[in-house]
Amino acid sequence: MLLWGDSVDIAPTIKEQSVNLILTSPPYYHQRHYNLGPQELGWEDTRYDYISRLTVIFNRLRHTLTDDGTIWIVIGDKWKNGHPLRIPNKLIDSMEISGWHYVQEIIWHKKSKMPGSYKNRFITDYEYVLWFS
């Protein structure tokens, strides 16, 4: 079964321990507006607020996973003033503190990357896929 929708809305409707895999690609921090209102995910004031909100959402879904269930999160980093914000790393830390077991990160190489004219870094042509159980 494939469920499509806002996790906050659908999480309470999912039977406990009925899901083997959650695969998600949440909106990236300060990347795109989807015109979903003032509480739009990805537009929190700080990266820490964003990471905290993601962790809360994933914690709300934890009850749905079977004992051997996993969650896979596709997420990229964000740069500010020439420095990476380390969003994926901080999300790993937050999820572990919250009780999730971090299994591994997988690097998804994007062959159709967006061109860029950065003077202080290479073009980012990958995203992280974070694997938790």
Protein backbone atom coordinates (compact mmCIF):
# COMPACT_ATOMS: atom_id res chain seq x y z
CA MET A 1 0.00 0.00 0.00
CA LEU A 2 1.28 3.47 -0.85
CA LEU A 3 0.12 6.41 1.22
CA TRP A 4 0.51 9.89 -0.15
CA GLY A 5 -0.02 12.98 1.95
CA ASP A 6 1.12 15.12 4.82
CA SER A 7 2.58 12.85 7.48
CA VAL A 8 1.06 14.94 10.28
CA ASP A 9 -2.40 14.27 8.85
CA ILE A 10 -2.00 10.61 7.96
CA ALA A 11 0.14 9.34 10.87
CA PRO A 12 -2.79 8.98 13.29
CA THR A 13 -4.76 6.96 10.73
CA ILE A 14 -2.07 4.30 10.26
CA LYS A 15 -2.39 1.11 12.27
CA GLU A 16 0.36 0.48 14.83
CA GLN A 17 3.22 -1.75 13.59
CA SER A 18 1.72 -2.09 10.11
CA VAL A 19 4.44 -0.44 8.00
CA ASN A 20 7.69 -2.07 6.90
CA LEU A 21 9.25 0.93 5.15
CA ILE A 22 8.87 4.68 5.16
CA LEU A 23 10.57 6.52 2.30
CA THR A 24 10.41 10.28 2.35
CA SER A 25 12.03 13.32 0.83
CA PRO A 26 10.92 16.24 2.98
CA PRO A 27 11.18 19.80 1.67
CA TYR A 28 14.75 21.02 2.07
CA TYR A 29 15.60 23.87 4.41
CA HIS A 30 14.97 27.27 2.77
CA GLN A 31 14.90 25.72 -0.70
CA ARG A 32 11.44 26.15 -2.29
CA HIS A 33 8.09 27.63 -1.37
CA TYR A 34 5.14 25.36 -2.06
CA ASN A 35 2.64 28.01 -0.93
CA LEU A 36 1.33 25.88 1.93
CA GLY A 37 0.95 28.69 4.42
CA PRO A 38 2.93 30.15 7.30
CA GLN A 39 3.79 26.77 8.85
CA GLU A 40 5.30 25.38 5.64
CA LEU A 41 7.93 22.73 6.35
CA GLY A 42 11.40 23.93 5.35
CA TRP A 43 10.86 27.57 6.26
CA GLU A 44 11.56 27.42 9.99
CA ASP A 45 13.58 30.31 11.42
CA THR A 46 16.72 28.25 12.03
CA ARG A 47 18.19 24.98 10.80
CA TYR A 48 17.84 23.68 14.36
CA ASP A 49 14.10 24.39 14.34
CA TYR A 50 13.86 22.61 10.98
CA ILE A 51 15.75 19.54 12.22
CA SER A 52 13.71 19.47 15.42
CA ARG A 53 10.46 19.62 13.45
CA LEU A 54 11.56 16.78 11.15
CA THR A 55 12.49 14.66 14.17
CA VAL A 56 9.08 15.27 15.76
CA ILE A 57 7.36 14.24 12.53
CA PHE A 58 9.39 11.04 12.24
CA ASN A 59 8.74 10.26 15.91
CA ARG A 60 4.99 10.52 15.21
CA LEU A 61 5.42 7.85 12.54
CA ARG A 62 7.54 5.50 14.67
CA HIS A 63 4.51 3.62 16.06
CA THR A 64 3.55 2.59 12.54
CA LEU A 65 6.77 0.65 11.88
CA THR A 66 7.04 -3.08 12.41
CA ASP A 67 9.83 -4.33 14.68
CA ASP A 68 12.07 -4.74 11.63
CA GLY A 69 10.74 -1.64 9.86
CA THR A 70 12.98 1.11 8.53
CA ILE A 71 12.76 4.75 7.50
CA TRP A 72 14.75 6.19 4.61
CA ILE A 73 15.11 9.98 4.38
CA VAL A 74 16.37 11.69 1.22
CA ILE A 75 17.88 15.01 2.23
CA GLY A 76 20.44 17.48 0.96
CA ASP A 77 22.55 20.06 2.68
CA LYS A 78 22.24 23.82 2.43
CA TRP A 79 25.02 26.38 2.18
CA LYS A 80 25.04 29.79 3.83
CA ASN A 81 27.77 32.41 3.50
CA GLY A 82 30.03 29.85 1.83
CA HIS A 83 29.68 27.20 4.55
CA PRO A 84 27.63 24.00 4.67
CA LEU A 85 24.95 23.93 7.37
CA ARG A 86 25.48 20.17 7.84
CA ILE A 87 21.73 19.48 7.86
CA PRO A 88 22.07 15.70 7.21
CA ASN A 89 24.64 15.28 9.98
CA LYS A 90 22.59 17.23 12.47
CA LEU A 91 19.46 15.26 11.54
CA ILE A 92 21.35 12.01 12.20
CA ASP A 93 22.35 13.30 15.66
CA SER A 94 18.81 14.48 16.45
CA MET A 95 17.25 11.19 15.37
CA GLU A 96 19.74 9.16 17.44
CA ILE A 97 19.09 11.31 20.52
CA SER A 98 15.38 10.67 19.93
CA GLY A 99 15.92 6.91 20.03
CA TRP A 100 16.27 5.97 16.37
CA HIS A 101 19.02 3.55 15.33
CA TYR A 102 21.15 5.09 12.58
CA VAL A 103 22.11 2.34 10.15
CA GLN A 104 23.93 4.05 7.30
CA GLU A 105 23.99 6.91 4.85
CA ILE A 106 23.88 6.24 1.15
CA ILE A 107 25.11 8.79 -1.36
CA TRP A 108 22.71 9.23 -4.25
CA HIS A 109 24.70 10.58 -7.20
CA LYS A 110 22.51 12.84 -9.31
CA LYS A 111 23.60 12.62 -12.93
CA SER A 112 21.31 15.49 -13.95
CA LYS A 113 22.60 18.04 -11.46
CA MET A 114 21.79 21.72 -11.62
CA PRO A 115 24.67 23.82 -12.93
CA GLY A 116 26.20 26.38 -10.64
CA SER A 117 28.85 29.06 -10.70
CA TYR A 118 30.26 28.69 -7.20
CA LYS A 119 33.65 30.24 -6.53
CA ASN A 120 34.29 28.65 -3.14
CA ARG A 121 33.09 25.06 -3.57
CA PHE A 122 32.35 22.26 -5.99
CA ILE A 123 28.89 21.70 -7.48
CA THR A 124 26.80 19.45 -5.26
CA ASP A 125 25.79 16.51 -7.43
CA TYR A 126 24.54 14.19 -4.70
CA GLU A 127 21.99 13.87 -1.94
CA TYR A 128 22.07 11.81 1.22
CA VAL A 129 19.73 8.93 1.83
CA LEU A 130 19.69 8.38 5.60
CA TRP A 131 18.68 4.92 6.79
CA PHE A 132 17.24 4.41 10.29
CA SER A 133 15.55 1.58 12.10
